[in-house]
Amino acid sequence: MKIAALYDIHGNYPALHAVLKELESIEPDILFIGGDIVSGPMPLQTLQTLRNFTGNVQMIRGNGEREVAEVLEGKTIPFLDKKGIEKQKWVAKQLTSSDRQFLASLPETKVLTANGLGEILFCHATPHSDEEIFTPLTPDEHVKTLFHSVEQPFIFCGHTHLPFVRKIDDKQIINPGSVGMPYTGNPGAYWALIDENGFELKYTSYDLEEASKAILKSGDPEAEEFIENYIKNTMQEDQAINMIEKLAEQRRKKDS
């Protein structure tokens, strides 16, 4: 069995399209989508492509899907500033009522079984939160508290857009990185392929100039900023890890 795990697409349809083209030759048994599907410049095209995909597609929601629903309900959203709220309102307006209902129906976690690996837990950030943060620098003892209740030996998660693997006791925690908004210093789409031999972190390049043109036509009020930060350039991986770990430390202190 082959499972292609795609996380954090963020409405970057050109990046998704490139990965799906590569998967045509790989022919995965399951296309797994790990949340934060639509929060970006081309949400409608991205989601409808996945909903219309002819193969076996399994999805969970991320904080982005939750936030799209919450902004329409007028709820207060922690960790989301005014600019972020306005962006999620724009995203919500691009989607059909059916799309919004579909996103609201998605589960927070899924467990799938892969030949050779056994059961795999898929979550967006951690098993109990769609916005909890940990990185390659987070102390082992804290990471253990996030996953102590998990029985599965393999855990796939996203949220931070950082591709990495951590081994904690008898568990392997894998972040495939981000298809649509990578923090690696190298623009492109990052994902993972799972088969009976294990897993592999994957990278797919795509035409960045054509992607930029498509995103500029999307109507996204932040299109130019998205292109500059995630298409033409991306934050260097070391810089991103340090920045996100500092944010994680602040949240841990606040919660303690």
Protein backbone atom coordinates (compact mmCIF):
# COMPACT_ATOMS: atom_id res chain seq x y z
CA MET A 1 0.00 0.00 0.00
CA LYS A 2 1.14 3.52 -0.82
CA ILE A 3 -0.10 6.65 0.96
CA ALA A 4 0.77 10.14 -0.27
CA ALA A 5 0.55 12.57 2.67
CA LEU A 6 0.03 16.21 1.69
CA TYR A 7 -0.13 18.84 4.41
CA ASP A 8 -0.64 22.61 4.50
CA ILE A 9 -1.57 23.25 0.87
CA HIS A 10 -2.93 26.68 1.82
CA GLY A 11 -4.84 27.34 -1.36
CA ASN A 12 -1.70 27.08 -3.49
CA TYR A 13 -3.36 25.30 -6.39
CA PRO A 14 -0.32 25.33 -8.71
CA ALA A 15 1.73 23.49 -6.06
CA LEU A 16 -1.06 20.96 -5.49
CA HIS A 17 -1.44 20.43 -9.23
CA ALA A 18 2.28 19.68 -9.57
CA VAL A 19 2.19 17.07 -6.80
CA LEU A 20 -0.92 15.42 -8.25
CA LYS A 21 0.82 15.20 -11.64
CA GLU A 22 3.79 13.47 -10.02
CA LEU A 23 1.46 11.08 -8.22
CA GLU A 24 0.02 9.89 -11.54
CA SER A 25 3.09 7.70 -12.03
CA ILE A 26 3.33 6.68 -8.36
CA GLU A 27 -0.35 5.65 -8.15
CA PRO A 28 -0.87 5.85 -4.37
CA ASP A 29 -3.69 3.82 -2.86
CA ILE A 30 -4.64 6.74 -0.60
CA LEU A 31 -4.22 10.47 -1.04
CA PHE A 32 -4.14 11.86 2.49
CA ILE A 33 -4.72 15.57 3.09
CA GLY A 34 -3.58 16.77 6.50
CA GLY A 35 -5.44 20.05 6.93
CA ASP A 36 -4.94 23.75 6.17
CA ILE A 37 -6.24 23.10 2.69
CA VAL A 38 -7.86 26.38 1.70
CA SER A 39 -6.31 29.29 3.61
CA GLY A 40 -4.50 30.90 0.71
CA PRO A 41 -4.95 32.50 -2.70
CA MET A 42 -6.90 29.83 -4.64
CA PRO A 43 -9.12 28.09 -2.08
CA LEU A 44 -12.03 27.12 -4.33
CA GLN A 45 -9.95 25.52 -7.08
CA THR A 46 -7.80 23.73 -4.51
CA LEU A 47 -10.68 22.23 -2.54
CA GLN A 48 -12.82 21.30 -5.52
CA THR A 49 -9.86 19.56 -7.16
CA LEU A 50 -9.51 17.39 -4.07
CA ARG A 51 -13.25 16.79 -3.71
CA ASN A 52 -13.45 15.72 -7.36
CA PHE A 53 -10.34 13.52 -7.22
CA THR A 54 -11.22 10.07 -8.53
CA GLY A 55 -9.04 8.06 -6.15
CA ASN A 56 -9.32 7.34 -2.44
CA VAL A 57 -8.95 10.71 -0.70
CA GLN A 58 -8.86 10.93 3.09
CA MET A 59 -8.85 14.33 4.80
CA ILE A 60 -8.65 15.89 8.23
CA ARG A 61 -9.15 19.53 9.10
CA GLY A 62 -6.53 21.98 10.30
CA ASN A 63 -6.81 25.20 12.22
CA GLY A 64 -7.41 26.96 8.90
CA GLU A 65 -10.63 25.04 8.24
CA ARG A 66 -11.82 25.69 11.79
CA GLU A 67 -11.04 29.39 11.47
CA VAL A 68 -12.97 29.69 8.20
CA ALA A 69 -16.06 28.42 10.01
CA GLU A 70 -15.46 30.56 13.09
CA VAL A 71 -15.06 33.87 11.25
CA LEU A 72 -18.45 33.36 9.65
CA GLU A 73 -19.92 32.75 13.10
CA GLY A 74 -18.28 35.89 14.50
CA LYS A 75 -16.25 33.96 17.05
CA THR A 76 -13.07 35.25 18.66
CA ILE A 77 -10.08 33.33 17.33
CA PRO A 78 -6.99 33.14 19.59
CA PHE A 79 -3.60 33.69 17.90
CA LEU A 80 -5.25 35.26 14.81
CA ASP A 81 -4.74 39.01 14.34
CA LYS A 82 -7.04 41.39 12.45
CA LYS A 83 -5.24 40.77 9.16
CA GLY A 84 -5.57 37.01 9.61
CA ILE A 85 -9.27 37.31 10.39
CA GLU A 86 -9.87 39.38 7.26
CA LYS A 87 -7.97 36.80 5.19
CA GLN A 88 -10.09 33.95 6.52
CA LYS A 89 -13.26 35.94 5.78
CA TRP A 90 -12.07 36.36 2.20
CA VAL A 91 -11.32 32.64 1.93
CA ALA A 92 -14.76 31.73 3.31
CA LYS A 93 -16.47 33.93 0.73
CA GLN A 94 -14.70 32.14 -2.14
CA LEU A 95 -16.17 28.78 -1.13
CA THR A 96 -19.61 27.40 -1.84
CA SER A 97 -22.01 26.55 0.96
CA SER A 98 -21.39 22.87 0.18
CA ASP A 99 -17.64 23.38 0.47
CA ARG A 100 -17.97 25.09 3.84
CA GLN A 101 -20.21 22.33 5.16
CA PHE A 102 -17.74 19.74 3.87
CA LEU A 103 -14.83 21.39 5.67
CA ALA A 104 -16.82 21.63 8.89
CA SER A 105 -17.52 17.89 8.71
CA LEU A 106 -13.88 16.84 8.54
CA PRO A 107 -12.45 14.97 11.55
CA GLU A 108 -9.48 16.23 13.55
CA THR A 109 -7.53 12.96 13.35
CA LYS A 110 -7.52 9.70 11.41
CA VAL A 111 -5.86 6.34 11.87
CA LEU A 112 -4.89 4.36 8.77
CA THR A 113 -3.12 1.03 8.47
CA ALA A 114 -0.19 0.62 6.08
CA ASN A 115 1.41 -2.69 5.18
CA GLY A 116 4.75 -3.00 6.93
CA LEU A 117 4.21 -0.06 9.29
CA GLY A 118 0.97 -0.96 11.00
CA GLU A 119 -1.31 1.77 12.29
CA ILE A 120 -0.46 5.40 11.56
CA LEU A 121 -2.03 8.35 13.35
CA PHE A 122 -2.59 11.45 11.25
CA CYS A 123 -3.27 14.79 12.94
CA HIS A 124 -2.79 18.40 11.88
CA ALA A 125 -0.62 19.80 14.70
CA THR A 126 -0.86 17.36 17.63
CA PRO A 127 -3.48 14.73 18.51
CA HIS A 128 -5.33 17.07 20.88
CA SER A 129 -4.90 20.46 19.20
CA ASP A 130 -4.92 21.83 15.66
CA GLU A 131 -2.62 24.74 16.56
CA GLU A 132 -0.12 23.40 19.11
CA ILE A 133 3.47 24.01 18.06
CA PHE A 134 6.59 21.90 18.31
CA THR A 135 9.73 21.93 16.19
CA PRO A 136 13.02 20.02 15.85
CA LEU A 137 14.28 22.16 18.77
CA THR A 138 11.43 21.50 21.20
CA PRO A 139 12.71 19.56 24.25
CA ASP A 140 12.00 15.83 24.17
CA GLU A 141 10.22 15.93 27.51
CA HIS A 142 7.66 18.41 26.21
CA VAL A 143 7.13 16.49 22.97
CA LYS A 144 6.49 13.37 25.06
CA THR A 145 3.63 15.15 26.84
CA LEU A 146 2.03 15.98 23.48
CA PHE A 147 2.02 12.38 22.29
CA HIS A 148 2.01 10.31 25.49
CA SER A 149 -1.51 8.97 24.90
CA VAL A 150 -0.83 7.87 21.32
CA GLU A 151 -0.63 4.11 20.81
CA GLN A 152 0.41 4.14 17.16
CA PRO A 153 4.17 3.86 16.43
CA PHE A 154 4.02 6.34 13.53
CA ILE A 155 2.49 9.82 13.74
CA PHE A 156 2.18 12.27 10.86
CA CYS A 157 1.52 15.93 11.59
CA GLY A 158 2.01 19.32 9.96
CA HIS A 159 1.08 22.88 10.93
CA THR A 160 4.59 24.36 11.22
CA HIS A 161 5.48 23.92 7.52
CA LEU A 162 8.83 22.43 8.56
CA PRO A 163 9.79 19.00 7.18
CA PHE A 164 11.43 16.93 9.93
CA VAL A 165 11.42 13.59 11.70
CA ARG A 166 11.67 13.07 15.45
CA LYS A 167 11.98 9.81 17.36
CA ILE A 168 10.54 9.90 20.87
CA ASP A 169 10.83 6.61 22.76
CA ASP A 170 9.17 4.02 20.50
CA LYS A 171 7.35 6.57 18.33
CA GLN A 172 8.40 8.26 15.11
CA ILE A 173 6.83 11.68 14.49
CA ILE A 174 6.98 12.85 10.89
CA ASN A 175 6.22 16.30 9.54
CA PRO A 176 6.15 16.19 5.71
CA GLY A 177 6.45 19.97 5.44
CA SER A 178 4.10 22.16 3.42
CA VAL A 179 2.88 21.73 -0.13
CA GLY A 180 1.89 25.37 -0.50
CA MET A 181 3.81 27.50 2.02
CA PRO A 182 7.19 25.89 2.78
CA TYR A 183 9.76 27.19 5.24
CA THR A 184 12.84 25.60 3.73
CA GLY A 185 14.73 28.26 1.80
CA ASN A 186 13.89 26.39 -1.42
CA PRO A 187 10.52 27.09 -3.10
CA GLY A 188 8.51 24.05 -4.15
CA ALA A 189 6.06 21.54 -2.71
CA TYR A 190 6.97 19.27 0.21
CA TRP A 191 5.09 16.09 1.10
CA ALA A 192 5.64 12.46 2.14
CA LEU A 193 5.22 9.03 0.58
CA ILE A 194 4.46 6.03 2.77
CA ASP A 195 4.80 2.42 1.62
CA GLU A 196 5.58 -1.03 3.02
CA ASN A 197 9.26 -0.09 3.37
CA GLY A 198 8.65 3.00 5.49
CA PHE A 199 8.29 6.64 4.53
CA GLU A 200 10.16 9.19 2.45
CA LEU A 201 10.06 12.97 2.61
CA LYS A 202 9.45 14.21 -0.93
CA TYR A 203 9.94 17.43 -2.89
CA THR A 204 8.18 18.49 -6.09
CA SER A 205 9.26 21.49 -8.13
CA TYR A 206 6.83 23.48 -10.26
CA ASP A 207 6.81 26.47 -12.60
CA LEU A 208 7.07 29.38 -10.18
CA GLU A 209 6.52 32.06 -12.83
CA GLU A 210 3.30 30.44 -14.05
CA ALA A 211 2.19 29.91 -10.46
CA SER A 212 2.78 33.58 -9.73
CA LYS A 213 0.65 34.60 -12.72
CA ALA A 214 -2.20 32.33 -11.64
CA ILE A 215 -2.11 33.60 -8.07
CA LEU A 216 -2.10 37.24 -9.22
CA LYS A 217 -5.32 36.51 -11.12
CA SER A 218 -6.96 34.90 -8.07
CA GLY A 219 -8.32 38.10 -6.58
CA ASP A 220 -6.57 37.42 -3.28
CA PRO A 221 -5.85 40.84 -1.72
CA GLU A 222 -2.59 39.40 -0.37
CA ALA A 223 -1.53 37.72 -3.62
CA GLU A 224 1.68 39.72 -4.10
CA GLU A 225 2.77 39.07 -0.52
CA PHE A 226 2.07 35.34 -0.92
CA ILE A 227 4.11 35.20 -4.12
CA GLU A 228 7.04 37.02 -2.56
CA ASN A 229 7.13 34.92 0.61
CA TYR A 230 6.18 31.43 -0.61
CA ILE A 231 6.60 31.23 -4.40
CA LYS A 232 9.62 33.28 -5.41
CA ASN A 233 11.30 32.97 -2.01
CA THR A 234 10.79 31.14 1.26
CA MET A 235 12.18 31.74 4.72
CA GLN A 236 15.42 29.86 5.37
CA GLU A 237 14.81 26.67 7.33
CA ASP A 238 17.11 27.50 10.28
CA GLN A 239 15.58 30.94 10.59
CA ALA A 240 12.06 29.50 10.49
CA ILE A 241 12.83 26.83 13.09
CA ASN A 242 14.25 29.40 15.51
CA MET A 243 11.34 31.80 14.96
CA ILE A 244 8.67 29.13 15.41
CA GLU A 245 10.39 27.60 18.44
CA LYS A 246 10.46 31.01 20.13
CA LEU A 247 6.72 31.27 19.53
CA ALA A 248 6.26 27.77 20.94
CA GLU A 249 8.26 28.72 24.06
CA GLN A 250 6.09 31.80 24.59
CA ARG A 251 2.94 29.73 24.39
CA ARG A 252 4.31 27.08 26.75
CA LYS A 253 5.18 29.75 29.33
CA LYS A 254 1.73 31.29 28.96
CA ASP A 255 0.05 27.92 29.49
CA SER A 256 2.22 26.92 32.46
